[in-house]
Amino acid sequence: MIHLTRVSLRLSSARDHPKLVPALRVIYAAPTEQAAEQALDNFEASDLGQRYPAIVRTWRSAWPEFTPYLAFPPAIRRVVYSTNKVESINSRLRKATRNRGHFPSEQAALKVLSLAVREQINPKARDANHVAAHWKEALNQFSLFFEDRLSIQ
């Protein structure tokens, strides 16, 4: 998602960025695929869409990869909008396993990863700024959306 926005901004003049960002937000924040497609059509017909047809072409060519994002609830969208948050979690998991080296069993490795995720969700006071924003709300949505793949104990 963030990559589409960045490409769009690269294809446009910096003076148009303040108008372009809210126009694109209407597309990626749409509640349904049909609403997003309508927003993209409206953008294409707008002055900005006429001035930057390459942005419209970019969004249309990425549409099949973009539309699965719209199936998620807003709380999950906020977490996966930027890959930085996902990469932050992955980095913490890699650090947790790297610092321990060898695990006697798969269950031991899973326990360490579970504790690392728990620490990410309920940080110590000194790490409070490093937690993904809205993570608790997203965790609730993940547990509903991926009920068969996520078990919270």
C-alpha atoms as a PDB file:
ATOM      1  CA  MET A   1       0.000   0.000   0.000  1.00  0.00           C
ATOM      2  CA  ILE A   2       2.628   2.500   1.007  1.00  0.00           C
ATOM      3  CA  HIS A   3       4.602   1.642  -2.112  1.00  0.00           C
ATOM      4  CA  LEU A   4       1.743   2.666  -4.393  1.00  0.00           C
ATOM      5  CA  THR A   5       1.502   5.993  -2.610  1.00  0.00           C
ATOM      6  CA  ARG A   6       5.252   6.560  -2.826  1.00  0.00           C
ATOM      7  CA  VAL A   7       5.319   5.738  -6.539  1.00  0.00           C
ATOM      8  CA  SER A   8       2.404   8.113  -7.063  1.00  0.00           C
ATOM      9  CA  LEU A   9       4.251  10.904  -5.296  1.00  0.00           C
ATOM     10  CA  ARG A  10       7.388  10.199  -7.320  1.00  0.00           C
ATOM     11  CA  LEU A  11       5.389  10.626 -10.525  1.00  0.00           C
ATOM     12  CA  SER A  12       4.022  14.020  -9.473  1.00  0.00           C
ATOM     13  CA  SER A  13       5.292  17.478  -8.743  1.00  0.00           C
ATOM     14  CA  ALA A  14       6.047  18.288  -5.101  1.00  0.00           C
ATOM     15  CA  ARG A  15       3.717  21.296  -5.233  1.00  0.00           C
ATOM     16  CA  ASP A  16       0.796  18.923  -5.913  1.00  0.00           C
ATOM     17  CA  HIS A  17       1.577  16.515  -3.064  1.00  0.00           C
ATOM     18  CA  PRO A  18      -0.694  18.276  -0.524  1.00  0.00           C
ATOM     19  CA  LYS A  19      -3.652  17.790  -2.888  1.00  0.00           C
ATOM     20  CA  LEU A  20      -2.595  14.371  -4.137  1.00  0.00           C
ATOM     21  CA  VAL A  21      -2.206  12.602  -0.772  1.00  0.00           C
ATOM     22  CA  PRO A  22      -5.836  13.160   0.371  1.00  0.00           C
ATOM     23  CA  ALA A  23      -7.094  12.202  -3.091  1.00  0.00           C
ATOM     24  CA  LEU A  24      -5.204   8.895  -2.933  1.00  0.00           C
ATOM     25  CA  ARG A  25      -6.280   8.314   0.671  1.00  0.00           C
ATOM     26  CA  VAL A  26      -9.893   8.224  -0.497  1.00  0.00           C
ATOM     27  CA  ILE A  27      -8.950   5.280  -2.736  1.00  0.00           C
ATOM     28  CA  TYR A  28      -6.987   3.159  -0.261  1.00  0.00           C
ATOM     29  CA  ALA A  29      -9.255   3.959   2.706  1.00  0.00           C
ATOM     30  CA  ALA A  30     -12.405   2.943   0.847  1.00  0.00           C
ATOM     31  CA  PRO A  31     -14.552   0.425   2.732  1.00  0.00           C
ATOM     32  CA  THR A  32     -15.099  -1.850  -0.277  1.00  0.00           C
ATOM     33  CA  GLU A  33     -13.481  -2.696  -3.583  1.00  0.00           C
ATOM     34  CA  GLN A  34     -16.366  -1.087  -5.467  1.00  0.00           C
ATOM     35  CA  ALA A  35     -15.998   2.140  -3.470  1.00  0.00           C
ATOM     36  CA  ALA A  36     -12.255   2.148  -4.134  1.00  0.00           C
ATOM     37  CA  GLU A  37     -12.813   1.619  -7.861  1.00  0.00           C
ATOM     38  CA  GLN A  38     -15.329   4.474  -7.886  1.00  0.00           C
ATOM     39  CA  ALA A  39     -12.827   6.688  -6.035  1.00  0.00           C
ATOM     40  CA  LEU A  40     -10.140   5.811  -8.598  1.00  0.00           C
ATOM     41  CA  ASP A  41     -12.545   6.652 -11.437  1.00  0.00           C
ATOM     42  CA  ASN A  42     -13.319   9.987  -9.728  1.00  0.00           C
ATOM     43  CA  PHE A  43      -9.600  10.659  -9.319  1.00  0.00           C
ATOM     44  CA  GLU A  44      -9.008   9.856 -12.998  1.00  0.00           C
ATOM     45  CA  ALA A  45     -11.712  12.346 -13.999  1.00  0.00           C
ATOM     46  CA  SER A  46     -10.365  15.039 -11.654  1.00  0.00           C
ATOM     47  CA  ASP A  47      -7.853  17.744 -12.523  1.00  0.00           C
ATOM     48  CA  LEU A  48      -5.061  15.793 -10.791  1.00  0.00           C
ATOM     49  CA  GLY A  49      -5.938  12.607 -12.643  1.00  0.00           C
ATOM     50  CA  GLN A  50      -5.864  14.471 -15.955  1.00  0.00           C
ATOM     51  CA  ARG A  51      -2.527  16.069 -15.078  1.00  0.00           C
ATOM     52  CA  TYR A  52      -0.940  12.787 -13.954  1.00  0.00           C
ATOM     53  CA  PRO A  53      -2.291   9.898 -16.063  1.00  0.00           C
ATOM     54  CA  ALA A  54       0.775   7.814 -15.102  1.00  0.00           C
ATOM     55  CA  ILE A  55      -0.507   7.687 -11.511  1.00  0.00           C
ATOM     56  CA  VAL A  56      -3.861   6.329 -12.675  1.00  0.00           C
ATOM     57  CA  ARG A  57      -2.088   3.781 -14.897  1.00  0.00           C
ATOM     58  CA  THR A  58       0.098   2.714 -11.952  1.00  0.00           C
ATOM     59  CA  TRP A  59      -2.916   2.161  -9.687  1.00  0.00           C
ATOM     60  CA  ARG A  60      -4.817   0.290 -12.402  1.00  0.00           C
ATOM     61  CA  SER A  61      -1.865  -2.010 -13.133  1.00  0.00           C
ATOM     62  CA  ALA A  62      -1.404  -2.741  -9.411  1.00  0.00           C
ATOM     63  CA  TRP A  63      -5.143  -3.208  -8.822  1.00  0.00           C
ATOM     64  CA  PRO A  64      -5.084  -7.055  -8.573  1.00  0.00           C
ATOM     65  CA  GLU A  65      -2.374  -6.852  -5.889  1.00  0.00           C
ATOM     66  CA  PHE A  66      -4.076  -3.933  -4.124  1.00  0.00           C
ATOM     67  CA  THR A  67      -7.641  -5.242  -3.818  1.00  0.00           C
ATOM     68  CA  PRO A  68      -6.920  -8.033  -1.274  1.00  0.00           C
ATOM     69  CA  TYR A  69      -5.866  -5.223   1.101  1.00  0.00           C
ATOM     70  CA  LEU A  70      -9.448  -3.908   0.973  1.00  0.00           C
ATOM     71  CA  ALA A  71     -10.826  -7.178   2.360  1.00  0.00           C
ATOM     72  CA  PHE A  72      -9.250  -6.499   5.772  1.00  0.00           C
ATOM     73  CA  PRO A  73     -10.938  -4.513   8.553  1.00  0.00           C
ATOM     74  CA  PRO A  74      -9.599  -0.984   9.219  1.00  0.00           C
ATOM     75  CA  ALA A  75      -7.614  -2.059  12.311  1.00  0.00           C
ATOM     76  CA  ILE A  76      -5.641  -4.620  10.311  1.00  0.00           C
ATOM     77  CA  ARG A  77      -5.183  -2.159   7.452  1.00  0.00           C
ATOM     78  CA  ARG A  78      -3.519   0.301   9.842  1.00  0.00           C
ATOM     79  CA  VAL A  79      -0.987  -2.317  10.900  1.00  0.00           C
ATOM     80  CA  VAL A  80      -0.179  -3.645   7.434  1.00  0.00           C
ATOM     81  CA  TYR A  81      -0.399  -0.277   5.620  1.00  0.00           C
ATOM     82  CA  SER A  82       3.304   0.229   6.003  1.00  0.00           C
ATOM     83  CA  THR A  83       5.759  -2.610   5.841  1.00  0.00           C
ATOM     84  CA  ASN A  84       7.822  -0.797   8.499  1.00  0.00           C
ATOM     85  CA  LYS A  85       5.573  -2.083  11.279  1.00  0.00           C
ATOM     86  CA  VAL A  86       5.680  -5.628   9.960  1.00  0.00           C
ATOM     87  CA  GLU A  87       9.454  -5.435   9.525  1.00  0.00           C
ATOM     88  CA  SER A  88       9.774  -4.144  13.086  1.00  0.00           C
ATOM     89  CA  ILE A  89       7.964  -7.202  14.416  1.00  0.00           C
ATOM     90  CA  ASN A  90      10.040  -9.507  12.199  1.00  0.00           C
ATOM     91  CA  SER A  91      13.211  -7.826  13.433  1.00  0.00           C
ATOM     92  CA  ARG A  92      12.241  -8.424  17.053  1.00  0.00           C
ATOM     93  CA  LEU A  93      11.500 -12.087  16.317  1.00  0.00           C
ATOM     94  CA  ARG A  94      14.855 -12.535  14.548  1.00  0.00           C
ATOM     95  CA  LYS A  95      16.625 -10.873  17.466  1.00  0.00           C
ATOM     96  CA  ALA A  96      14.883 -13.149  19.971  1.00  0.00           C
ATOM     97  CA  THR A  97      15.967 -16.297  18.123  1.00  0.00           C
ATOM     98  CA  ARG A  98      19.452 -15.089  17.203  1.00  0.00           C
ATOM     99  CA  ASN A  99      20.336 -14.206  20.796  1.00  0.00           C
ATOM    100  CA  ARG A 100      19.562 -17.722  21.991  1.00  0.00           C
ATOM    101  CA  GLY A 101      21.367 -19.623  19.283  1.00  0.00           C
ATOM    102  CA  HIS A 102      20.306 -23.253  19.503  1.00  0.00           C
ATOM    103  CA  PHE A 103      16.915 -24.542  20.692  1.00  0.00           C
ATOM    104  CA  PRO A 104      16.515 -28.044  22.135  1.00  0.00           C
ATOM    105  CA  SER A 105      13.101 -28.468  20.495  1.00  0.00           C
ATOM    106  CA  GLU A 106      10.627 -26.785  18.205  1.00  0.00           C
ATOM    107  CA  GLN A 107       8.377 -26.126  21.193  1.00  0.00           C
ATOM    108  CA  ALA A 108      11.185 -24.184  22.903  1.00  0.00           C
ATOM    109  CA  ALA A 109      11.634 -21.999  19.815  1.00  0.00           C
ATOM    110  CA  LEU A 110       7.887 -21.358  19.603  1.00  0.00           C
ATOM    111  CA  LYS A 111       7.809 -20.373  23.272  1.00  0.00           C
ATOM    112  CA  VAL A 112      10.576 -17.815  22.735  1.00  0.00           C
ATOM    113  CA  LEU A 113       8.742 -16.386  19.722  1.00  0.00           C
ATOM    114  CA  SER A 114       5.494 -16.267  21.683  1.00  0.00           C
ATOM    115  CA  LEU A 115       7.197 -14.346  24.482  1.00  0.00           C
ATOM    116  CA  ALA A 116       8.745 -11.952  21.957  1.00  0.00           C
ATOM    117  CA  VAL A 117       5.315 -11.240  20.453  1.00  0.00           C
ATOM    118  CA  ARG A 118       3.852 -10.774  23.926  1.00  0.00           C
ATOM    119  CA  GLU A 119       6.620  -8.275  24.704  1.00  0.00           C
ATOM    120  CA  GLN A 120       5.817  -6.465  21.468  1.00  0.00           C
ATOM    121  CA  ILE A 121       2.158  -6.186  22.467  1.00  0.00           C
ATOM    122  CA  ASN A 122       2.702  -5.382  26.174  1.00  0.00           C
ATOM    123  CA  PRO A 123       6.009  -3.511  26.244  1.00  0.00           C
ATOM    124  CA  LYS A 124       7.944  -2.397  29.263  1.00  0.00           C
ATOM    125  CA  ALA A 125       7.620   1.305  29.984  1.00  0.00           C
ATOM    126  CA  ARG A 126      10.983   2.048  28.378  1.00  0.00           C
ATOM    127  CA  ASP A 127       9.881   0.397  25.103  1.00  0.00           C
ATOM    128  CA  ALA A 128       6.386   1.905  24.938  1.00  0.00           C
ATOM    129  CA  ASN A 129       7.232   3.987  21.854  1.00  0.00           C
ATOM    130  CA  HIS A 130       8.403   0.956  19.852  1.00  0.00           C
ATOM    131  CA  VAL A 131       5.063  -0.846  19.772  1.00  0.00           C
ATOM    132  CA  ALA A 132       3.087  -0.853  16.551  1.00  0.00           C
ATOM    133  CA  ALA A 133       0.299   1.673  16.851  1.00  0.00           C
ATOM    134  CA  HIS A 134      -3.151   0.206  17.441  1.00  0.00           C
ATOM    135  CA  TRP A 135      -1.681  -3.279  17.909  1.00  0.00           C
ATOM    136  CA  LYS A 136      -4.228  -4.423  20.525  1.00  0.00           C
ATOM    137  CA  GLU A 137      -7.130  -3.461  18.271  1.00  0.00           C
ATOM    138  CA  ALA A 138      -5.435  -5.167  15.326  1.00  0.00           C
ATOM    139  CA  LEU A 139      -4.735  -8.284  17.387  1.00  0.00           C
ATOM    140  CA  ASN A 140      -8.453  -8.552  18.148  1.00  0.00           C
ATOM    141  CA  GLN A 141      -9.246  -8.248  14.447  1.00  0.00           C
ATOM    142  CA  PHE A 142      -6.546 -10.779  13.518  1.00  0.00           C
ATOM    143  CA  SER A 143      -8.031 -13.258  15.988  1.00  0.00           C
ATOM    144  CA  LEU A 144     -11.451 -12.846  14.342  1.00  0.00           C
ATOM    145  CA  PHE A 145     -10.245 -12.706  10.743  1.00  0.00           C
ATOM    146  CA  PHE A 146      -7.731 -15.573  11.045  1.00  0.00           C
ATOM    147  CA  GLU A 147      -9.535 -17.624  13.691  1.00  0.00           C
ATOM    148  CA  ASP A 148      -8.188 -20.942  12.392  1.00  0.00           C
ATOM    149  CA  ARG A 149      -4.571 -19.709  12.217  1.00  0.00           C
ATOM    150  CA  LEU A 150      -4.229 -17.736  15.454  1.00  0.00           C
ATOM    151  CA  SER A 151      -4.770 -19.018  18.961  1.00  0.00           C
ATOM    152  CA  ILE A 152      -4.417 -16.593  21.843  1.00  0.00           C
ATOM    153  CA  GLN A 153      -4.042 -18.149  25.247  1.00  0.00           C
END
